[in-house]
């Protein structure tokens, strides 16, 4: 009876440990696709580490970047329209001319980011950190109507 229990336990633990590995492999393939094609509209990149990555002009419309690390990434001219950036780390990101229109930036960290000519029309920015961010020509309203 003991050998059957040990075999079952070993098989179960192997399956449990293998599950996160396949999830990581899926993210690796998605990141590889993004870097190679510059297009990943609607991709699931939740929690991915893109720290310091050059993503100039990429198409990330409606992508899921929840809790992603984009610290120091170059997002110049990128299209993040409708993207989910909830809790994303965008500190020191270079985002000149980047579209964050209708994106969810709830609790995202844009500290010390470069945001010249960034578009944020309709973006949800509840709890977004922007201390030290540098930018001009940004359509950023604070309450009320235009």
Protein backbone atom coordinates (compact mmCIF):
# COMPACT_ATOMS: atom_id res chain seq x y z
CA UNK A 1 0.00 0.00 0.00
CA UNK A 2 2.88 2.36 0.78
CA UNK A 3 4.48 2.12 -2.70
CA UNK A 4 1.15 3.02 -4.38
CA UNK A 5 0.77 6.07 -2.11
CA UNK A 6 4.32 7.23 -2.80
CA UNK A 7 3.89 6.73 -6.56
CA UNK A 8 0.62 8.70 -6.53
CA UNK A 9 2.18 11.49 -4.46
CA UNK A 10 5.19 11.67 -6.77
CA UNK A 11 3.00 11.80 -9.89
CA UNK A 12 0.72 14.48 -8.38
CA UNK A 13 3.64 16.69 -7.31
CA UNK A 14 5.18 16.39 -10.79
CA UNK A 15 1.94 17.59 -12.39
CA UNK A 16 1.58 20.47 -9.93
CA UNK A 17 5.16 21.62 -10.48
CA UNK A 18 4.87 21.35 -14.28
CA UNK A 19 1.87 23.69 -14.56
CA UNK A 20 3.71 26.99 -13.88
CA UNK A 21 6.49 25.99 -16.27
CA UNK A 22 4.06 25.70 -19.20
CA UNK A 23 2.51 29.07 -18.27
CA UNK A 24 5.97 30.63 -18.32
CA UNK A 25 6.73 29.06 -21.70
CA UNK A 26 3.54 30.61 -23.06
CA UNK A 27 4.67 34.08 -21.85
CA UNK A 28 8.13 33.53 -23.35
CA UNK A 29 6.58 32.74 -26.74
CA UNK A 30 4.31 35.80 -26.52
CA UNK A 31 7.23 38.08 -25.60
CA UNK A 32 9.30 36.61 -28.44
CA UNK A 33 6.43 37.30 -30.85
CA UNK A 34 6.17 40.89 -29.56
CA UNK A 35 9.88 41.57 -29.97
CA UNK A 36 10.07 39.98 -33.44
CA UNK A 37 6.85 41.31 -35.00
CA UNK A 38 6.33 44.53 -32.97
CA UNK A 39 2.65 43.51 -32.81
CA UNK A 40 0.83 41.85 -29.96
CA UNK A 41 -2.67 43.29 -29.96
CA UNK A 42 -4.82 41.56 -27.34
CA UNK A 43 -1.89 39.53 -25.97
CA UNK A 44 -1.82 38.25 -22.41
CA UNK A 45 1.41 39.60 -20.94
CA UNK A 46 0.23 39.78 -17.33
CA UNK A 47 3.16 39.87 -14.93
CA UNK A 48 5.78 39.67 -17.66
CA UNK A 49 9.22 41.28 -17.18
CA UNK A 50 9.98 43.70 -20.02
CA UNK A 51 12.40 45.84 -18.01
CA UNK A 52 14.57 47.99 -20.28
CA UNK A 53 13.10 46.51 -23.46
CA UNK A 54 13.02 48.57 -26.68
CA UNK A 55 9.37 48.53 -27.73
CA UNK A 56 9.38 51.52 -30.06
CA UNK A 57 6.15 51.75 -32.05
CA UNK A 58 4.75 48.41 -30.88
CA UNK A 59 1.08 47.56 -31.16
CA UNK A 60 -0.17 46.53 -27.73
CA UNK A 61 -3.81 47.58 -28.18
CA UNK A 62 -6.08 45.81 -25.69
CA UNK A 63 -3.15 43.79 -24.32
CA UNK A 64 -3.19 42.53 -20.75
CA UNK A 65 -0.11 43.95 -19.05
CA UNK A 66 -1.47 43.72 -15.51
CA UNK A 67 1.42 43.84 -13.00
CA UNK A 68 3.96 43.80 -15.85
CA UNK A 69 7.44 45.25 -15.27
CA UNK A 70 8.15 47.86 -17.96
CA UNK A 71 10.68 49.80 -15.90
CA UNK A 72 12.98 51.81 -18.16
CA UNK A 73 11.38 50.42 -21.32
CA UNK A 74 11.31 52.53 -24.48
CA UNK A 75 7.66 52.79 -25.54
CA UNK A 76 8.09 55.75 -27.90
CA UNK A 77 5.18 55.85 -30.35
CA UNK A 78 3.69 52.63 -28.95
CA UNK A 79 -0.06 52.03 -29.12
CA UNK A 80 -1.39 50.88 -25.76
CA UNK A 81 -4.99 51.91 -26.50
CA UNK A 82 -7.34 49.94 -24.27
CA UNK A 83 -4.50 48.03 -22.59
CA UNK A 84 -4.82 46.77 -19.03
CA UNK A 85 -1.83 48.23 -17.17
CA UNK A 86 -3.27 47.79 -13.69
CA UNK A 87 -0.41 47.73 -11.19
CA UNK A 88 2.21 47.88 -13.96
CA UNK A 89 5.68 49.26 -13.20
CA UNK A 90 6.35 51.99 -15.78
CA UNK A 91 8.97 53.89 -13.77
CA UNK A 92 11.56 55.71 -15.88
CA UNK A 93 9.75 54.61 -19.04
CA UNK A 94 10.33 56.63 -22.21
CA UNK A 95 6.79 57.03 -23.56
CA UNK A 96 6.94 60.01 -25.90
CA UNK A 97 4.04 59.97 -28.34
CA UNK A 98 2.61 56.85 -26.73
CA UNK A 99 -1.14 56.26 -26.77
CA UNK A 100 -2.65 55.24 -23.45
CA UNK A 101 -6.15 56.15 -24.66
CA UNK A 102 -8.85 54.16 -22.83
CA UNK A 103 -6.14 52.18 -21.01
CA UNK A 104 -6.53 51.05 -17.41
CA UNK A 105 -3.62 52.56 -15.47
CA UNK A 106 -5.11 51.91 -12.03
CA UNK A 107 -2.29 51.80 -9.45
CA UNK A 108 0.33 51.87 -12.22
CA UNK A 109 3.65 53.55 -11.41
CA UNK A 110 4.73 56.17 -13.96
CA UNK A 111 7.25 57.81 -11.61
CA UNK A 112 10.08 59.57 -13.44
CA UNK A 113 8.61 58.57 -16.82
CA UNK A 114 9.08 60.72 -19.92
CA UNK A 115 5.56 61.35 -21.26
CA UNK A 116 5.90 64.11 -23.86
CA UNK A 117 2.90 64.13 -26.25
CA UNK A 118 1.43 61.04 -24.57
CA UNK A 119 -2.28 60.48 -25.11
CA UNK A 120 -4.42 59.52 -22.13
CA UNK A 121 -7.96 60.28 -23.34
CA UNK A 122 -10.43 58.09 -21.46
CA UNK A 123 -7.69 56.38 -19.47
CA UNK A 124 -8.51 55.21 -15.94
CA UNK A 125 -5.80 56.62 -13.68
CA UNK A 126 -7.05 55.89 -10.17
CA UNK A 127 -4.08 55.63 -7.83
CA UNK A 128 -1.58 56.12 -10.69
CA UNK A 129 1.78 57.43 -9.45
CA UNK A 130 3.24 60.20 -11.61
CA UNK A 131 5.75 61.81 -9.22
CA UNK A 132 8.78 63.11 -11.07
CA UNK A 133 7.23 62.32 -14.46
CA UNK A 134 8.25 64.72 -17.22
CA UNK A 135 5.81 65.66 -19.91
CA UNK A 136 4.04 68.35 -21.82
CA UNK A 137 1.25 68.48 -24.36
CA UNK A 138 -0.65 65.80 -22.43
CA UNK A 139 -4.44 65.98 -22.38
CA UNK A 140 -4.82 65.25 -18.67
CA UNK A 141 -8.01 66.46 -17.03
CA UNK A 142 -8.69 66.55 -13.31
CA UNK A 143 -12.41 66.07 -12.68
CA UNK A 144 -15.32 68.02 -14.11
CA UNK A 145 -16.21 68.54 -17.73
CA UNK A 146 -14.22 70.09 -20.54
